[in-house]
């Protein structure tokens, strides 16, 4: 088997409704991860790219969160509708989608304004 060209980690952390940090997979069904698997297979990347369920990625306020390696790009607020363009534009095309990207300054930063419960309102914010 060849090494993977891309690895997509999809946060599947589940918290109780109304938790102050939010929840990446409120239904607990891993629908987002499954959508990535289907889309990767659809574009012929099934054996070369892998989508995996991940535990908490600690970026809860930006959820649902997806991180793609080897690009090291973190996306937040990802929906099922975003999956085809992430696969086509980021995984196949190498393009960073700024409207979904979690800014580097927010990653692992307890002072990120989103940790105070402010919604993401601007692209890349």
PDB file of N, CA and C in Angstrom:
ATOM      1  N   UNK A   1       0.842  -1.185   0.000  1.00  0.00           N
ATOM      2  CA  UNK A   1       0.000   0.000   0.000  1.00  0.00           C
ATOM      3  C   UNK A   1       0.883   1.244   0.000  1.00  0.00           C
ATOM      4  N   UNK A   2       0.501   2.223  -0.782  1.00  0.00           N
ATOM      5  CA  UNK A   2       1.217   3.492  -0.845  1.00  0.00           C
ATOM      6  C   UNK A   2       0.951   4.312   0.405  1.00  0.00           C
ATOM      7  N   UNK A   3       1.876   5.241   0.669  1.00  0.00           N
ATOM      8  CA  UNK A   3       1.634   6.158   1.780  1.00  0.00           C
ATOM      9  C   UNK A   3       0.529   7.117   1.393  1.00  0.00           C
ATOM     10  N   UNK A   4      -0.148   7.658   2.385  1.00  0.00           N
ATOM     11  CA  UNK A   4      -1.221   8.599   2.122  1.00  0.00           C
ATOM     12  C   UNK A   4      -0.645   9.934   1.667  1.00  0.00           C
ATOM     13  N   UNK A   5      -1.288  10.539   0.682  1.00  0.00           N
ATOM     14  CA  UNK A   5      -0.889  11.879   0.248  1.00  0.00           C
ATOM     15  C   UNK A   5      -1.494  12.940   1.149  1.00  0.00           C
ATOM     16  N   UNK A   6      -2.656  12.650   1.725  1.00  0.00           N
ATOM     17  CA  UNK A   6      -3.346  13.572   2.624  1.00  0.00           C
ATOM     18  C   UNK A   6      -4.028  12.789   3.732  1.00  0.00           C
ATOM     19  N   UNK A   7      -4.076  13.418   4.877  1.00  0.00           N
ATOM     20  CA  UNK A   7      -4.783  12.828   6.005  1.00  0.00           C
ATOM     21  C   UNK A   7      -5.716  13.899   6.558  1.00  0.00           C
ATOM     22  N   UNK A   8      -7.002  13.584   6.606  1.00  0.00           N
ATOM     23  CA  UNK A   8      -8.027  14.512   7.087  1.00  0.00           C
ATOM     24  C   UNK A   8      -8.516  14.015   8.439  1.00  0.00           C
ATOM     25  N   UNK A   9      -8.309  14.839   9.460  1.00  0.00           N
ATOM     26  CA  UNK A   9      -8.793  14.499  10.790  1.00  0.00           C
ATOM     27  C   UNK A   9     -10.041  15.331  11.066  1.00  0.00           C
ATOM     28  N   UNK A  10     -11.126  14.660  11.371  1.00  0.00           N
ATOM     29  CA  UNK A  10     -12.409  15.307  11.608  1.00  0.00           C
ATOM     30  C   UNK A  10     -12.768  15.143  13.079  1.00  0.00           C
ATOM     31  N   UNK A  11     -12.872  16.260  13.785  1.00  0.00           N
ATOM     32  CA  UNK A  11     -13.215  16.187  15.200  1.00  0.00           C
ATOM     33  C   UNK A  11     -14.610  15.591  15.356  1.00  0.00           C
ATOM     34  N   UNK A  12     -14.687  14.607  16.213  1.00  0.00           N
ATOM     35  CA  UNK A  12     -15.965  13.963  16.492  1.00  0.00           C
ATOM     36  C   UNK A  12     -16.336  14.067  17.956  1.00  0.00           C
ATOM     37  N   UNK A  13     -15.768  15.067  18.629  1.00  0.00           N
ATOM     38  CA  UNK A  13     -16.043  15.220  20.049  1.00  0.00           C
ATOM     39  C   UNK A  13     -17.515  15.566  20.280  1.00  0.00           C
ATOM     40  N   UNK A  14     -18.091  14.939  21.277  1.00  0.00           N
ATOM     41  CA  UNK A  14     -19.492  15.159  21.623  1.00  0.00           C
ATOM     42  C   UNK A  14     -19.555  15.701  23.048  1.00  0.00           C
ATOM     43  N   UNK A  15     -20.280  16.790  23.199  1.00  0.00           N
ATOM     44  CA  UNK A  15     -20.518  17.372  24.532  1.00  0.00           C
ATOM     45  C   UNK A  15     -22.020  17.517  24.725  1.00  0.00           C
ATOM     46  N   UNK A  16     -22.394  17.732  25.984  1.00  0.00           N
ATOM     47  CA  UNK A  16     -23.808  17.919  26.279  1.00  0.00           C
ATOM     48  C   UNK A  16     -24.307  19.209  25.614  1.00  0.00           C
ATOM     49  N   UNK A  17     -25.582  19.240  25.205  1.00  0.00           N
ATOM     50  CA  UNK A  17     -26.160  20.436  24.582  1.00  0.00           C
ATOM     51  C   UNK A  17     -25.970  21.667  25.471  1.00  0.00           C
ATOM     52  N   UNK A  18     -25.625  22.784  24.840  1.00  0.00           N
ATOM     53  CA  UNK A  18     -25.468  24.035  25.558  1.00  0.00           C
ATOM     54  C   UNK A  18     -24.120  24.232  26.221  1.00  0.00           C
ATOM     55  N   UNK A  19     -23.178  23.312  26.027  1.00  0.00           N
ATOM     56  CA  UNK A  19     -21.856  23.464  26.634  1.00  0.00           C
ATOM     57  C   UNK A  19     -21.222  24.756  26.144  1.00  0.00           C
ATOM     58  N   UNK A  20     -20.545  25.479  27.035  1.00  0.00           N
ATOM     59  CA  UNK A  20     -20.008  26.798  26.693  1.00  0.00           C
ATOM     60  C   UNK A  20     -18.942  26.760  25.610  1.00  0.00           C
ATOM     61  N   UNK A  21     -18.271  25.636  25.419  1.00  0.00           N
ATOM     62  CA  UNK A  21     -17.240  25.563  24.380  1.00  0.00           C
ATOM     63  C   UNK A  21     -17.774  25.021  23.061  1.00  0.00           C
ATOM     64  N   UNK A  22     -19.010  24.569  23.037  1.00  0.00           N
ATOM     65  CA  UNK A  22     -19.570  24.030  21.806  1.00  0.00           C
ATOM     66  C   UNK A  22     -19.274  22.552  21.646  1.00  0.00           C
ATOM     67  N   UNK A  23     -19.591  22.051  20.476  1.00  0.00           N
ATOM     68  CA  UNK A  23     -19.466  20.627  20.202  1.00  0.00           C
ATOM     69  C   UNK A  23     -19.287  20.433  18.700  1.00  0.00           C
ATOM     70  N   UNK A  24     -18.323  19.617  18.310  1.00  0.00           N
ATOM     71  CA  UNK A  24     -18.073  19.403  16.882  1.00  0.00           C
ATOM     72  C   UNK A  24     -19.013  18.384  16.237  1.00  0.00           C
ATOM     73  N   UNK A  25     -19.560  17.477  17.011  1.00  0.00           N
ATOM     74  CA  UNK A  25     -20.432  16.440  16.453  1.00  0.00           C
ATOM     75  C   UNK A  25     -21.617  16.205  17.384  1.00  0.00           C
ATOM     76  N   UNK A  26     -22.545  17.180  17.430  1.00  0.00           N
ATOM     77  CA  UNK A  26     -23.647  17.086  18.404  1.00  0.00           C
ATOM     78  C   UNK A  26     -24.480  15.809  18.295  1.00  0.00           C
ATOM     79  N   UNK A  27     -24.632  15.266  17.095  1.00  0.00           N
ATOM     80  CA  UNK A  27     -25.428  14.043  16.936  1.00  0.00           C
ATOM     81  C   UNK A  27     -24.609  12.796  17.223  1.00  0.00           C
ATOM     82  N   UNK A  28     -23.285  12.917  17.224  1.00  0.00           N
ATOM     83  CA  UNK A  28     -22.421  11.776  17.501  1.00  0.00           C
ATOM     84  C   UNK A  28     -22.411  10.724  16.412  1.00  0.00           C
ATOM     85  N   UNK A  29     -22.810  11.072  15.195  1.00  0.00           N
ATOM     86  CA  UNK A  29     -22.902  10.095  14.124  1.00  0.00           C
ATOM     87  C   UNK A  29     -21.747  10.082  13.142  1.00  0.00           C
ATOM     88  N   UNK A  30     -20.787  10.974  13.314  1.00  0.00           N
ATOM     89  CA  UNK A  30     -19.622  11.055  12.432  1.00  0.00           C
ATOM     90  C   UNK A  30     -19.991  11.302  10.969  1.00  0.00           C
ATOM     91  N   UNK A  31     -21.069  12.039  10.740  1.00  0.00           N
ATOM     92  CA  UNK A  31     -21.535  12.309   9.375  1.00  0.00           C
ATOM     93  C   UNK A  31     -20.505  13.078   8.558  1.00  0.00           C
ATOM     94  N   UNK A  32     -19.818  14.014   9.182  1.00  0.00           N
ATOM     95  CA  UNK A  32     -18.829  14.812   8.458  1.00  0.00           C
ATOM     96  C   UNK A  32     -17.655  13.939   8.004  1.00  0.00           C
ATOM     97  N   UNK A  33     -17.164  13.087   8.874  1.00  0.00           N
ATOM     98  CA  UNK A  33     -16.082  12.167   8.506  1.00  0.00           C
ATOM     99  C   UNK A  33     -16.527  11.244   7.375  1.00  0.00           C
ATOM    100  N   UNK A  34     -17.742  10.734   7.481  1.00  0.00           N
ATOM    101  CA  UNK A  34     -18.255   9.846   6.441  1.00  0.00           C
ATOM    102  C   UNK A  34     -18.388  10.563   5.101  1.00  0.00           C
ATOM    103  N   UNK A  35     -18.784  11.839   5.133  1.00  0.00           N
ATOM    104  CA  UNK A  35     -18.900  12.623   3.894  1.00  0.00           C
ATOM    105  C   UNK A  35     -17.526  12.796   3.238  1.00  0.00           C
ATOM    106  N   UNK A  36     -16.492  13.018   4.038  1.00  0.00           N
ATOM    107  CA  UNK A  36     -15.141  13.116   3.483  1.00  0.00           C
ATOM    108  C   UNK A  36     -14.732  11.802   2.846  1.00  0.00           C
ATOM    109  N   UNK A  37     -15.021  10.694   3.502  1.00  0.00           N
ATOM    110  CA  UNK A  37     -14.647   9.388   2.953  1.00  0.00           C
ATOM    111  C   UNK A  37     -15.320   9.157   1.591  1.00  0.00           C
ATOM    112  N   UNK A  38     -16.595   9.492   1.511  1.00  0.00           N
ATOM    113  CA  UNK A  38     -17.334   9.318   0.257  1.00  0.00           C
ATOM    114  C   UNK A  38     -16.751  10.218  -0.831  1.00  0.00           C
ATOM    115  N   UNK A  39     -16.497  11.477  -0.504  1.00  0.00           N
ATOM    116  CA  UNK A  39     -15.995  12.425  -1.496  1.00  0.00           C
ATOM    117  C   UNK A  39     -14.588  12.067  -1.962  1.00  0.00           C
ATOM    118  N   UNK A  40     -13.739  11.635  -1.052  1.00  0.00           N
ATOM    119  CA  UNK A  40     -12.383  11.232  -1.441  1.00  0.00           C
ATOM    120  C   UNK A  40     -12.420  10.040  -2.394  1.00  0.00           C
ATOM    121  N   UNK A  41     -13.301   9.110  -2.106  1.00  0.00           N
ATOM    122  CA  UNK A  41     -13.449   7.949  -2.996  1.00  0.00           C
ATOM    123  C   UNK A  41     -14.012   8.381  -4.350  1.00  0.00           C
ATOM    124  N   UNK A  42     -14.975   9.288  -4.325  1.00  0.00           N
ATOM    125  CA  UNK A  42     -15.630   9.768  -5.550  1.00  0.00           C
ATOM    126  C   UNK A  42     -14.630  10.404  -6.519  1.00  0.00           C
ATOM    127  N   UNK A  43     -13.643  11.122  -5.986  1.00  0.00           N
ATOM    128  CA  UNK A  43     -12.661  11.790  -6.855  1.00  0.00           C
ATOM    129  C   UNK A  43     -11.433  10.917  -7.110  1.00  0.00           C
ATOM    130  N   UNK A  44     -11.476   9.656  -6.684  1.00  0.00           N
ATOM    131  CA  UNK A  44     -10.406   8.719  -6.971  1.00  0.00           C
ATOM    132  C   UNK A  44      -9.248   8.751  -5.994  1.00  0.00           C
ATOM    133  N   UNK A  45      -9.435   9.391  -4.844  1.00  0.00           N
ATOM    134  CA  UNK A  45      -8.361   9.467  -3.860  1.00  0.00           C
ATOM    135  C   UNK A  45      -8.510   8.439  -2.739  1.00  0.00           C
ATOM    136  N   UNK A  46      -9.486   7.557  -2.862  1.00  0.00           N
ATOM    137  CA  UNK A  46      -9.751   6.586  -1.804  1.00  0.00           C
ATOM    138  C   UNK A  46      -8.526   5.901  -1.237  1.00  0.00           C
ATOM    139  N   UNK A  47      -7.645   5.344  -2.076  1.00  0.00           N
ATOM    140  CA  UNK A  47      -6.475   4.667  -1.508  1.00  0.00           C
ATOM    141  C   UNK A  47      -5.324   5.611  -1.130  1.00  0.00           C
ATOM    142  N   UNK A  48      -5.410   6.881  -1.526  1.00  0.00           N
ATOM    143  CA  UNK A  48      -4.295   7.805  -1.296  1.00  0.00           C
ATOM    144  C   UNK A  48      -4.540   8.844  -0.203  1.00  0.00           C
ATOM    145  N   UNK A  49      -5.785   9.089   0.115  1.00  0.00           N
ATOM    146  CA  UNK A  49      -6.122  10.078   1.148  1.00  0.00           C
ATOM    147  C   UNK A  49      -7.016   9.393   2.173  1.00  0.00           C
ATOM    148  N   UNK A  50      -6.862   9.789   3.397  1.00  0.00           N
ATOM    149  CA  UNK A  50      -7.589   9.126   4.479  1.00  0.00           C
ATOM    150  C   UNK A  50      -8.337  10.146   5.313  1.00  0.00           C
ATOM    151  N   UNK A  51      -9.591   9.867   5.615  1.00  0.00           N
ATOM    152  CA  UNK A  51     -10.383  10.684   6.538  1.00  0.00           C
ATOM    153  C   UNK A  51     -10.600   9.865   7.796  1.00  0.00           C
ATOM    154  N   UNK A  52     -10.240  10.453   8.934  1.00  0.00           N
ATOM    155  CA  UNK A  52     -10.356   9.751  10.209  1.00  0.00           C
ATOM    156  C   UNK A  52     -11.129  10.567  11.225  1.00  0.00           C
ATOM    157  N   UNK A  53     -11.866   9.862  12.057  1.00  0.00           N
ATOM    158  CA  UNK A  53     -12.489  10.449  13.235  1.00  0.00           C
ATOM    159  C   UNK A  53     -11.373  10.802  14.207  1.00  0.00           C
ATOM    160  N   UNK A  54     -11.446  11.996  14.762  1.00  0.00           N
ATOM    161  CA  UNK A  54     -10.485  12.400  15.788  1.00  0.00           C
ATOM    162  C   UNK A  54     -11.247  12.739  17.051  1.00  0.00           C
ATOM    163  N   UNK A  55     -10.592  12.525  18.162  1.00  0.00           N
ATOM    164  CA  UNK A  55     -11.143  13.019  19.415  1.00  0.00           C
ATOM    165  C   UNK A  55     -11.013  14.532  19.434  1.00  0.00           C
ATOM    166  N   UNK A  56     -11.193  15.129  20.563  1.00  0.00           N
ATOM    167  CA  UNK A  56     -11.162  16.580  20.676  1.00  0.00           C
ATOM    168  C   UNK A  56      -9.844  17.148  20.155  1.00  0.00           C
ATOM    169  N   UNK A  57      -9.947  18.116  19.248  1.00  0.00           N
ATOM    170  CA  UNK A  57      -8.780  18.813  18.711  1.00  0.00           C
ATOM    171  C   UNK A  57      -8.544  20.128  19.444  1.00  0.00           C
ATOM    172  N   UNK A  58      -9.331  20.384  20.471  1.00  0.00           N
ATOM    173  CA  UNK A  58      -9.219  21.542  21.362  1.00  0.00           C
ATOM    174  C   UNK A  58      -9.369  22.887  20.645  1.00  0.00           C
ATOM    175  N   UNK A  59     -10.198  22.902  19.635  1.00  0.00           N
ATOM    176  CA  UNK A  59     -10.539  24.139  18.935  1.00  0.00           C
ATOM    177  C   UNK A  59     -12.063  24.249  18.892  1.00  0.00           C
ATOM    178  N   UNK A  60     -12.682  23.864  19.985  1.00  0.00           N
ATOM    179  CA  UNK A  60     -14.129  23.657  20.073  1.00  0.00           C
ATOM    180  C   UNK A  60     -14.960  24.850  19.616  1.00  0.00           C
ATOM    181  N   UNK A  61     -14.516  26.041  19.952  1.00  0.00           N
ATOM    182  CA  UNK A  61     -15.289  27.238  19.605  1.00  0.00           C
ATOM    183  C   UNK A  61     -15.346  27.470  18.103  1.00  0.00           C
ATOM    184  N   UNK A  62     -14.516  26.772  17.372  1.00  0.00           N
ATOM    185  CA  UNK A  62     -14.482  26.901  15.918  1.00  0.00           C
ATOM    186  C   UNK A  62     -15.188  25.739  15.229  1.00  0.00           C
ATOM    187  N   UNK A  63     -15.797  24.868  15.985  1.00  0.00           N
ATOM    188  CA  UNK A  63     -16.317  23.614  15.456  1.00  0.00           C
ATOM    189  C   UNK A  63     -17.499  23.742  14.521  1.00  0.00           C
ATOM    190  N   UNK A  64     -17.724  22.694  13.783  1.00  0.00           N
ATOM    191  CA  UNK A  64     -16.933  21.487  13.608  1.00  0.00           C
ATOM    192  C   UNK A  64     -15.568  21.780  12.966  1.00  0.00           C
ATOM    193  N   UNK A  65     -14.544  21.104  13.469  1.00  0.00           N
ATOM    194  CA  UNK A  65     -13.163  21.355  13.075  1.00  0.00           C
ATOM    195  C   UNK A  65     -12.614  20.182  12.274  1.00  0.00           C
ATOM    196  N   UNK A  66     -11.839  20.551  11.235  1.00  0.00           N
ATOM    197  CA  UNK A  66     -11.153  19.587  10.382  1.00  0.00           C
ATOM    198  C   UNK A  66      -9.715  20.084  10.222  1.00  0.00           C
ATOM    199  N   UNK A  67      -8.758  19.176  10.316  1.00  0.00           N
ATOM    200  CA  UNK A  67      -7.364  19.533  10.043  1.00  0.00           C
ATOM    201  C   UNK A  67      -6.842  18.592   8.964  1.00  0.00           C
ATOM    202  N   UNK A  68      -6.138  19.169   7.992  1.00  0.00           N
ATOM    203  CA  UNK A  68      -5.664  18.409   6.837  1.00  0.00           C
ATOM    204  C   UNK A  68      -4.140  18.442   6.807  1.00  0.00           C
ATOM    205  N   UNK A  69      -3.540  17.253   6.799  1.00  0.00           N
ATOM    206  CA  UNK A  69      -2.091  17.122   6.683  1.00  0.00           C
ATOM    207  C   UNK A  69      -1.772  16.435   5.362  1.00  0.00           C
ATOM    208  N   UNK A  70      -0.650  16.772   4.710  1.00  0.00           N
ATOM    209  CA  UNK A  70       0.491  17.480   5.247  1.00  0.00           C
ATOM    210  C   UNK A  70       0.400  19.005   5.165  1.00  0.00           C
ATOM    211  N   UNK A  71      -0.700  19.533   4.677  1.00  0.00           N
ATOM    212  CA  UNK A  71      -0.821  20.987   4.553  1.00  0.00           C
ATOM    213  C   UNK A  71      -0.810  21.702   5.894  1.00  0.00           C
ATOM    214  N   UNK A  72      -1.292  21.032   6.938  1.00  0.00           N
ATOM    215  CA  UNK A  72      -1.360  21.659   8.250  1.00  0.00           C
ATOM    216  C   UNK A  72      -2.388  22.770   8.308  1.00  0.00           C
ATOM    217  N   UNK A  73      -3.431  22.644   7.505  1.00  0.00           N
ATOM    218  CA  UNK A  73      -4.483  23.659   7.491  1.00  0.00           C
ATOM    219  C   UNK A  73      -5.620  23.223   8.406  1.00  0.00           C
ATOM    220  N   UNK A  74      -6.080  24.186   9.203  1.00  0.00           N
ATOM    221  CA  UNK A  74      -7.174  23.962  10.147  1.00  0.00           C
ATOM    222  C   UNK A  74      -8.401  24.713   9.653  1.00  0.00           C
ATOM    223  N   UNK A  75      -9.505  23.992   9.518  1.00  0.00           N
ATOM    224  CA  UNK A  75     -10.765  24.597   9.096  1.00  0.00           C
ATOM    225  C   UNK A  75     -11.783  24.492  10.232  1.00  0.00           C
ATOM    226  N   UNK A  76     -12.571  25.544  10.384  1.00  0.00           N
ATOM    227  CA  UNK A  76     -13.608  25.557  11.395  1.00  0.00           C
ATOM    228  C   UNK A  76     -14.955  25.897  10.798  1.00  0.00           C
ATOM    229  N   UNK A  77     -15.998  25.538  11.515  1.00  0.00           N
ATOM    230  CA  UNK A  77     -17.348  25.781  11.040  1.00  0.00           C
ATOM    231  C   UNK A  77     -17.676  24.968   9.798  1.00  0.00           C
ATOM    232  N   UNK A  78     -17.041  23.817   9.653  1.00  0.00           N
ATOM    233  CA  UNK A  78     -17.197  22.990   8.457  1.00  0.00           C
ATOM    234  C   UNK A  78     -18.566  22.312   8.460  1.00  0.00           C
ATOM    235  N   UNK A  79     -19.233  22.370   7.310  1.00  0.00           N
ATOM    236  CA  UNK A  79     -20.536  21.727   7.132  1.00  0.00           C
ATOM    237  C   UNK A  79     -20.422  20.627   6.078  1.00  0.00           C
ATOM    238  N   UNK A  80     -21.443  19.811   5.996  1.00  0.00           N
ATOM    239  CA  UNK A  80     -21.478  18.776   4.961  1.00  0.00           C
ATOM    240  C   UNK A  80     -21.370  19.387   3.572  1.00  0.00           C
ATOM    241  N   UNK A  81     -21.941  20.574   3.389  1.00  0.00           N
ATOM    242  CA  UNK A  81     -21.907  21.246   2.096  1.00  0.00           C
ATOM    243  C   UNK A  81     -20.503  21.714   1.727  1.00  0.00           C
ATOM    244  N   UNK A  82     -19.623  21.894   2.706  1.00  0.00           N
ATOM    245  CA  UNK A  82     -18.250  22.329   2.448  1.00  0.00           C
ATOM    246  C   UNK A  82     -17.349  21.203   1.956  1.00  0.00           C
ATOM    247  N   UNK A  83     -17.708  19.968   2.205  1.00  0.00           N
ATOM    248  CA  UNK A  83     -16.830  18.840   1.932  1.00  0.00           C
ATOM    249  C   UNK A  83     -16.388  18.768   0.470  1.00  0.00           C
ATOM    250  N   UNK A  84     -17.278  18.849  -0.527  1.00  0.00           N
ATOM    251  CA  UNK A  84     -16.800  18.751  -1.910  1.00  0.00           C
ATOM    252  C   UNK A  84     -15.789  19.833  -2.299  1.00  0.00           C
ATOM    253  N   UNK A  85     -15.999  21.065  -1.832  1.00  0.00           N
ATOM    254  CA  UNK A  85     -15.037  22.104  -2.221  1.00  0.00           C
ATOM    255  C   UNK A  85     -13.733  21.982  -1.442  1.00  0.00           C
ATOM    256  N   UNK A  86     -13.773  21.463  -0.212  1.00  0.00           N
ATOM    257  CA  UNK A  86     -12.523  21.217   0.512  1.00  0.00           C
ATOM    258  C   UNK A  86     -11.715  20.151  -0.227  1.00  0.00           C
ATOM    259  N   UNK A  87     -12.373  19.102  -0.649  1.00  0.00           N
ATOM    260  CA  UNK A  87     -11.671  18.035  -1.368  1.00  0.00           C
ATOM    261  C   UNK A  87     -11.146  18.553  -2.706  1.00  0.00           C
ATOM    262  N   UNK A  88     -11.987  19.236  -3.474  1.00  0.00           N
ATOM    263  CA  UNK A  88     -11.548  19.671  -4.801  1.00  0.00           C
ATOM    264  C   UNK A  88     -10.554  20.826  -4.748  1.00  0.00           C
ATOM    265  N   UNK A  89     -10.808  21.797  -3.902  1.00  0.00           N
ATOM    266  CA  UNK A  89      -9.966  22.993  -3.920  1.00  0.00           C
ATOM    267  C   UNK A  89      -8.754  22.900  -2.993  1.00  0.00           C
ATOM    268  N   UNK A  90      -8.887  22.247  -1.847  1.00  0.00           N
ATOM    269  CA  UNK A  90      -7.756  22.170  -0.928  1.00  0.00           C
ATOM    270  C   UNK A  90      -6.944  20.898  -1.155  1.00  0.00           C
ATOM    271  N   UNK A  91      -7.595  19.753  -1.122  1.00  0.00           N
ATOM    272  CA  UNK A  91      -6.839  18.504  -1.227  1.00  0.00           C
ATOM    273  C   UNK A  91      -6.319  18.293  -2.648  1.00  0.00           C
ATOM    274  N   UNK A  92      -7.152  18.510  -3.635  1.00  0.00           N
ATOM    275  CA  UNK A  92      -6.690  18.342  -5.021  1.00  0.00           C
ATOM    276  C   UNK A  92      -5.933  19.568  -5.528  1.00  0.00           C
ATOM    277  N   UNK A  93      -6.398  20.767  -5.149  1.00  0.00           N
ATOM    278  CA  UNK A  93      -5.825  21.989  -5.712  1.00  0.00           C
ATOM    279  C   UNK A  93      -4.821  22.725  -4.849  1.00  0.00           C
ATOM    280  N   UNK A  94      -4.706  22.354  -3.579  1.00  0.00           N
ATOM    281  CA  UNK A  94      -3.750  23.013  -2.704  1.00  0.00           C
ATOM    282  C   UNK A  94      -4.153  24.408  -2.240  1.00  0.00           C
ATOM    283  N   UNK A  95      -5.381  24.807  -2.504  1.00  0.00           N
ATOM    284  CA  UNK A  95      -5.866  26.143  -2.141  1.00  0.00           C
ATOM    285  C   UNK A  95      -6.383  26.161  -0.705  1.00  0.00           C
ATOM    286  N   UNK A  96      -5.994  27.187   0.036  1.00  0.00           N
ATOM    287  CA  UNK A  96      -6.503  27.377   1.390  1.00  0.00           C
ATOM    288  C   UNK A  96      -7.793  28.182   1.290  1.00  0.00           C
ATOM    289  N   UNK A  97      -8.855  27.689   1.874  1.00  0.00           N
ATOM    290  CA  UNK A  97     -10.154  28.364   1.852  1.00  0.00           C
ATOM    291  C   UNK A  97     -10.230  29.296   3.058  1.00  0.00           C
ATOM    292  N   UNK A  98      -9.999  30.589   2.811  1.00  0.00           N
ATOM    293  CA  UNK A  98      -9.882  31.543   3.914  1.00  0.00           C
ATOM    294  C   UNK A  98     -11.174  31.692   4.700  1.00  0.00           C
ATOM    295  N   UNK A  99     -12.318  31.437   4.075  1.00  0.00           N
ATOM    296  CA  UNK A  99     -13.571  31.563   4.817  1.00  0.00           C
ATOM    297  C   UNK A  99     -13.741  30.465   5.861  1.00  0.00           C
ATOM    298  N   UNK A 100     -12.998  29.378   5.733  1.00  0.00           N
ATOM    299  CA  UNK A 100     -13.069  28.276   6.697  1.00  0.00           C
ATOM    300  C   UNK A 100     -11.827  28.182   7.584  1.00  0.00           C
ATOM    301  N   UNK A 101     -10.746  28.794   7.165  1.00  0.00           N
ATOM    302  CA  UNK A 101      -9.485  28.646   7.882  1.00  0.00           C
ATOM    303  C   UNK A 101      -9.551  29.267   9.274  1.00  0.00           C
ATOM    304  N   UNK A 102      -9.082  28.502  10.252  1.00  0.00           N
ATOM    305  CA  UNK A 102      -8.927  29.031  11.605  1.00  0.00           C
ATOM    306  C   UNK A 102      -7.590  29.761  11.614  1.00  0.00           C
ATOM    307  N   UNK A 103      -7.584  31.044  11.953  1.00  0.00           N
ATOM    308  CA  UNK A 103      -6.323  31.788  11.938  1.00  0.00           C
ATOM    309  C   UNK A 103      -5.293  31.184  12.893  1.00  0.00           C
ATOM    310  N   UNK A 104      -4.042  31.215  12.472  1.00  0.00           N
ATOM    311  CA  UNK A 104      -2.971  30.675  13.319  1.00  0.00           C
ATOM    312  C   UNK A 104      -2.997  31.285  14.713  1.00  0.00           C
ATOM    313  N   UNK A 105      -3.343  32.576  14.807  1.00  0.00           N
ATOM    314  CA  UNK A 105      -3.372  33.254  16.099  1.00  0.00           C
ATOM    315  C   UNK A 105      -4.452  32.747  17.039  1.00  0.00           C
ATOM    316  N   UNK A 106      -5.385  31.984  16.523  1.00  0.00           N
ATOM    317  CA  UNK A 106      -6.444  31.420  17.372  1.00  0.00           C
ATOM    318  C   UNK A 106      -6.140  29.993  17.807  1.00  0.00           C
ATOM    319  N   UNK A 107      -5.284  29.307  17.086  1.00  0.00           N
ATOM    320  CA  UNK A 107      -4.988  27.919  17.420  1.00  0.00           C
ATOM    321  C   UNK A 107      -4.276  27.827  18.766  1.00  0.00           C
ATOM    322  N   UNK A 108      -4.848  27.037  19.638  1.00  0.00           N
ATOM    323  CA  UNK A 108      -4.271  26.792  20.972  1.00  0.00           C
ATOM    324  C   UNK A 108      -4.012  28.075  21.746  1.00  0.00           C
ATOM    325  N   UNK A 109      -4.850  29.072  21.533  1.00  0.00           N
ATOM    326  CA  UNK A 109      -4.687  30.362  22.195  1.00  0.00           C
ATOM    327  C   UNK A 109      -5.872  30.602  23.124  1.00  0.00           C
ATOM    328  N   UNK A 110      -5.656  30.536  24.437  1.00  0.00           N
ATOM    329  CA  UNK A 110      -6.772  30.761  25.357  1.00  0.00           C
ATOM    330  C   UNK A 110      -7.322  32.187  25.288  1.00  0.00           C
ATOM    331  N   UNK A 111      -6.584  33.103  24.661  1.00  0.00           N
ATOM    332  CA  UNK A 111      -7.074  34.480  24.524  1.00  0.00           C
ATOM    333  C   UNK A 111      -7.762  34.721  23.176  1.00  0.00           C
ATOM    334  N   UNK A 112      -7.917  33.683  22.383  1.00  0.00           N
ATOM    335  CA  UNK A 112      -8.638  33.820  21.118  1.00  0.00           C
ATOM    336  C   UNK A 112     -10.029  34.375  21.429  1.00  0.00           C
ATOM    337  N   UNK A 113     -10.470  35.406  20.715  1.00  0.00           N
ATOM    338  CA  UNK A 113     -11.780  35.987  21.028  1.00  0.00           C
ATOM    339  C   UNK A 113     -12.934  35.011  20.891  1.00  0.00           C
ATOM    340  N   UNK A 114     -12.753  33.966  20.100  1.00  0.00           N
ATOM    341  CA  UNK A 114     -13.814  32.977  19.925  1.00  0.00           C
ATOM    342  C   UNK A 114     -14.015  32.135  21.180  1.00  0.00           C
ATOM    343  N   UNK A 115     -13.007  32.065  22.023  1.00  0.00           N
ATOM    344  CA  UNK A 115     -13.127  31.313  23.279  1.00  0.00           C
ATOM    345  C   UNK A 115     -14.033  32.021  24.264  1.00  0.00           C
ATOM    346  N   UNK A 116     -14.295  33.272  23.997  1.00  0.00           N
ATOM    347  CA  UNK A 116     -15.218  34.015  24.873  1.00  0.00           C
ATOM    348  C   UNK A 116     -16.650  33.841  24.391  1.00  0.00           C
ATOM    349  N   UNK A 117     -16.833  33.013  23.385  1.00  0.00           N
ATOM    350  CA  UNK A 117     -18.162  32.732  22.878  1.00  0.00           C
ATOM    351  C   UNK A 117     -18.613  33.635  21.747  1.00  0.00           C
ATOM    352  N   UNK A 118     -17.696  34.472  21.216  1.00  0.00           N
ATOM    353  CA  UNK A 118     -18.050  35.328  20.091  1.00  0.00           C
ATOM    354  C   UNK A 118     -18.129  34.484  18.832  1.00  0.00           C
ATOM    355  N   UNK A 119     -19.150  34.681  18.024  1.00  0.00           N
ATOM    356  CA  UNK A 119     -19.255  33.885  16.793  1.00  0.00           C
ATOM    357  C   UNK A 119     -18.222  34.331  15.765  1.00  0.00           C
ATOM    358  N   UNK A 120     -17.835  33.395  14.906  1.00  0.00           N
ATOM    359  CA  UNK A 120     -16.973  33.739  13.775  1.00  0.00           C
ATOM    360  C   UNK A 120     -17.807  34.520  12.787  1.00  0.00           C
ATOM    361  N   UNK A 121     -17.448  35.766  12.557  1.00  0.00           N
ATOM    362  CA  UNK A 121     -18.314  36.589  11.698  1.00  0.00           C
ATOM    363  C   UNK A 121     -17.625  37.079  10.444  1.00  0.00           C
ATOM    364  N   UNK A 122     -16.319  36.999  10.383  1.00  0.00           N
ATOM    365  CA  UNK A 122     -15.620  37.486   9.187  1.00  0.00           C
ATOM    366  C   UNK A 122     -14.742  36.373   8.656  1.00  0.00           C
ATOM    367  N   UNK A 123     -14.499  36.353   7.334  1.00  0.00           N
ATOM    368  CA  UNK A 123     -13.655  35.320   6.777  1.00  0.00           C
ATOM    369  C   UNK A 123     -12.291  35.323   7.453  1.00  0.00           C
ATOM    370  N   UNK A 124     -11.849  34.133   7.840  1.00  0.00           N
ATOM    371  CA  UNK A 124     -10.553  33.969   8.452  1.00  0.00           C
ATOM    372  C   UNK A 124     -10.460  34.482   9.864  1.00  0.00           C
ATOM    373  N   UNK A 125     -11.580  34.893  10.448  1.00  0.00           N
ATOM    374  CA  UNK A 125     -11.533  35.435  11.807  1.00  0.00           C
ATOM    375  C   UNK A 125     -11.743  34.373  12.847  1.00  0.00           C
TER     376      UNK A 125
END
